[in-house]
Amino acid sequence: MEDELAKRVISLAAIQHIPAEQISVDSTFLDLGVDSLDGINPIFALENEFNVSIPDEATREIKDTRGLCEGIAALLGATGHTEGA
């Protein structure tokens, strides 16, 4: 997983008022106190930042920051976007 991608995902996940330094790629949403309703805003922010559409069924499967990063990386690869897009 690309470090830059992980940093961008973590910075966007920090919009939940969780300091970015408390979030790692191994943080679960449970660890961070983020429930499914709290997770909606970061998902929208990630979609906007990376210009991708995250399928609803995929959002239900993602349970941690690593899953978000891997999902974004897969979507970027599938759409031909580059990381800096």
C-alpha atoms as a PDB file:
ATOM      1  CA  MET A   1       0.000   0.000   0.000  1.00  0.00           C
ATOM      2  CA  GLU A   2       1.279   3.439  -0.929  1.00  0.00           C
ATOM      3  CA  ASP A   3       2.220   5.633   2.037  1.00  0.00           C
ATOM      4  CA  GLU A   4       0.929   8.769   0.308  1.00  0.00           C
ATOM      5  CA  LEU A   5      -2.459   7.169  -0.318  1.00  0.00           C
ATOM      6  CA  ALA A   6      -2.672   6.077   3.315  1.00  0.00           C
ATOM      7  CA  LYS A   7      -1.794   9.613   4.488  1.00  0.00           C
ATOM      8  CA  ARG A   8      -4.521  11.120   2.303  1.00  0.00           C
ATOM      9  CA  VAL A   9      -7.115   8.600   3.506  1.00  0.00           C
ATOM     10  CA  ILE A  10      -6.138   9.181   7.143  1.00  0.00           C
ATOM     11  CA  SER A  11      -6.303  12.967   6.769  1.00  0.00           C
ATOM     12  CA  LEU A  12      -9.801  12.687   5.322  1.00  0.00           C
ATOM     13  CA  ALA A  13     -10.843  10.215   7.986  1.00  0.00           C
ATOM     14  CA  ALA A  14      -9.770  12.813  10.536  1.00  0.00           C
ATOM     15  CA  ILE A  15     -12.830  14.898   9.645  1.00  0.00           C
ATOM     16  CA  GLN A  16     -14.565  12.852  12.333  1.00  0.00           C
ATOM     17  CA  HIS A  17     -12.786  15.095  14.840  1.00  0.00           C
ATOM     18  CA  ILE A  18     -10.268  12.394  15.608  1.00  0.00           C
ATOM     19  CA  PRO A  19      -6.711  13.710  15.508  1.00  0.00           C
ATOM     20  CA  ALA A  20      -4.933  12.261  12.467  1.00  0.00           C
ATOM     21  CA  GLU A  21      -1.998  11.199  14.641  1.00  0.00           C
ATOM     22  CA  GLN A  22      -4.359   8.806  16.482  1.00  0.00           C
ATOM     23  CA  ILE A  23      -5.306   7.081  13.217  1.00  0.00           C
ATOM     24  CA  SER A  24      -3.114   4.420  11.641  1.00  0.00           C
ATOM     25  CA  VAL A  25      -3.712   2.032   8.769  1.00  0.00           C
ATOM     26  CA  ASP A  26      -4.343  -0.637  11.389  1.00  0.00           C
ATOM     27  CA  SER A  27      -7.015   1.352  13.266  1.00  0.00           C
ATOM     28  CA  THR A  28     -10.431  -0.264  13.204  1.00  0.00           C
ATOM     29  CA  PHE A  29     -13.520   1.901  13.151  1.00  0.00           C
ATOM     30  CA  LEU A  30     -14.465   0.360  16.490  1.00  0.00           C
ATOM     31  CA  ASP A  31     -11.101   1.479  17.940  1.00  0.00           C
ATOM     32  CA  LEU A  32     -11.800   5.002  16.689  1.00  0.00           C
ATOM     33  CA  GLY A  33     -15.378   5.067  17.950  1.00  0.00           C
ATOM     34  CA  VAL A  34     -16.761   5.444  14.420  1.00  0.00           C
ATOM     35  CA  ASP A  35     -20.077   3.745  13.731  1.00  0.00           C
ATOM     36  CA  SER A  36     -21.732   3.241  10.362  1.00  0.00           C
ATOM     37  CA  LEU A  37     -23.564   6.569  10.507  1.00  0.00           C
ATOM     38  CA  ASP A  38     -20.400   8.433  11.517  1.00  0.00           C
ATOM     39  CA  GLY A  39     -18.602   6.838   8.583  1.00  0.00           C
ATOM     40  CA  ILE A  40     -20.808   8.446   5.937  1.00  0.00           C
ATOM     41  CA  ASN A  41     -19.031  11.823   5.881  1.00  0.00           C
ATOM     42  CA  PRO A  42     -15.533  10.380   5.431  1.00  0.00           C
ATOM     43  CA  ILE A  43     -16.833   8.127   2.640  1.00  0.00           C
ATOM     44  CA  PHE A  44     -18.262  11.150   0.796  1.00  0.00           C
ATOM     45  CA  ALA A  45     -15.000  13.029   1.365  1.00  0.00           C
ATOM     46  CA  LEU A  46     -12.976  10.086   0.010  1.00  0.00           C
ATOM     47  CA  GLU A  47     -15.190   9.829  -3.059  1.00  0.00           C
ATOM     48  CA  ASN A  48     -14.710  13.534  -3.755  1.00  0.00           C
ATOM     49  CA  GLU A  49     -10.974  13.531  -3.056  1.00  0.00           C
ATOM     50  CA  PHE A  50     -10.219  10.563  -5.282  1.00  0.00           C
ATOM     51  CA  ASN A  51     -13.021  11.089  -7.829  1.00  0.00           C
ATOM     52  CA  VAL A  52     -14.360   7.554  -7.352  1.00  0.00           C
ATOM     53  CA  SER A  53     -17.679   6.029  -6.385  1.00  0.00           C
ATOM     54  CA  ILE A  54     -17.534   3.598  -3.486  1.00  0.00           C
ATOM     55  CA  PRO A  55     -20.322   1.016  -3.849  1.00  0.00           C
ATOM     56  CA  ASP A  56     -22.710   0.827  -0.887  1.00  0.00           C
ATOM     57  CA  GLU A  57     -22.060  -2.896  -0.426  1.00  0.00           C
ATOM     58  CA  ALA A  58     -18.313  -2.203  -0.204  1.00  0.00           C
ATOM     59  CA  THR A  59     -18.808   0.380   2.538  1.00  0.00           C
ATOM     60  CA  ARG A  60     -20.577  -2.243   4.642  1.00  0.00           C
ATOM     61  CA  GLU A  61     -17.583  -4.589   4.322  1.00  0.00           C
ATOM     62  CA  ILE A  62     -14.869  -2.087   5.279  1.00  0.00           C
ATOM     63  CA  LYS A  63     -14.074  -2.227   8.985  1.00  0.00           C
ATOM     64  CA  ASP A  64     -10.743  -0.419   9.269  1.00  0.00           C
ATOM     65  CA  THR A  65      -8.478   2.213   7.764  1.00  0.00           C
ATOM     66  CA  ARG A  66      -6.456  -0.402   5.878  1.00  0.00           C
ATOM     67  CA  GLY A  67      -9.658  -1.591   4.200  1.00  0.00           C
ATOM     68  CA  LEU A  68     -10.424   1.978   3.135  1.00  0.00           C
ATOM     69  CA  CYS A  69      -6.946   2.394   1.695  1.00  0.00           C
ATOM     70  CA  GLU A  70      -7.068  -0.923  -0.141  1.00  0.00           C
ATOM     71  CA  GLY A  71     -10.549  -0.183  -1.470  1.00  0.00           C
ATOM     72  CA  ILE A  72      -9.532   3.240  -2.755  1.00  0.00           C
ATOM     73  CA  ALA A  73      -6.388   1.769  -4.337  1.00  0.00           C
ATOM     74  CA  ALA A  74      -8.476  -0.913  -6.068  1.00  0.00           C
ATOM     75  CA  LEU A  75     -10.973   1.659  -7.357  1.00  0.00           C
ATOM     76  CA  LEU A  76      -8.183   3.893  -8.612  1.00  0.00           C
ATOM     77  CA  GLY A  77      -6.592   0.959 -10.403  1.00  0.00           C
ATOM     78  CA  ALA A  78      -9.904  -0.138 -11.914  1.00  0.00           C
ATOM     79  CA  THR A  79     -10.681   3.326 -13.242  1.00  0.00           C
ATOM     80  CA  GLY A  80      -7.164   4.074 -14.467  1.00  0.00           C
ATOM     81  CA  HIS A  81      -6.710   6.999 -12.087  1.00  0.00           C
ATOM     82  CA  THR A  82      -3.325   7.688 -10.656  1.00  0.00           C
ATOM     83  CA  GLU A  83      -2.786   8.256  -6.977  1.00  0.00           C
ATOM     84  CA  GLY A  84      -2.381  11.990  -7.412  1.00  0.00           C
ATOM     85  CA  ALA A  85      -5.644  12.319  -9.332  1.00  0.00           C
END
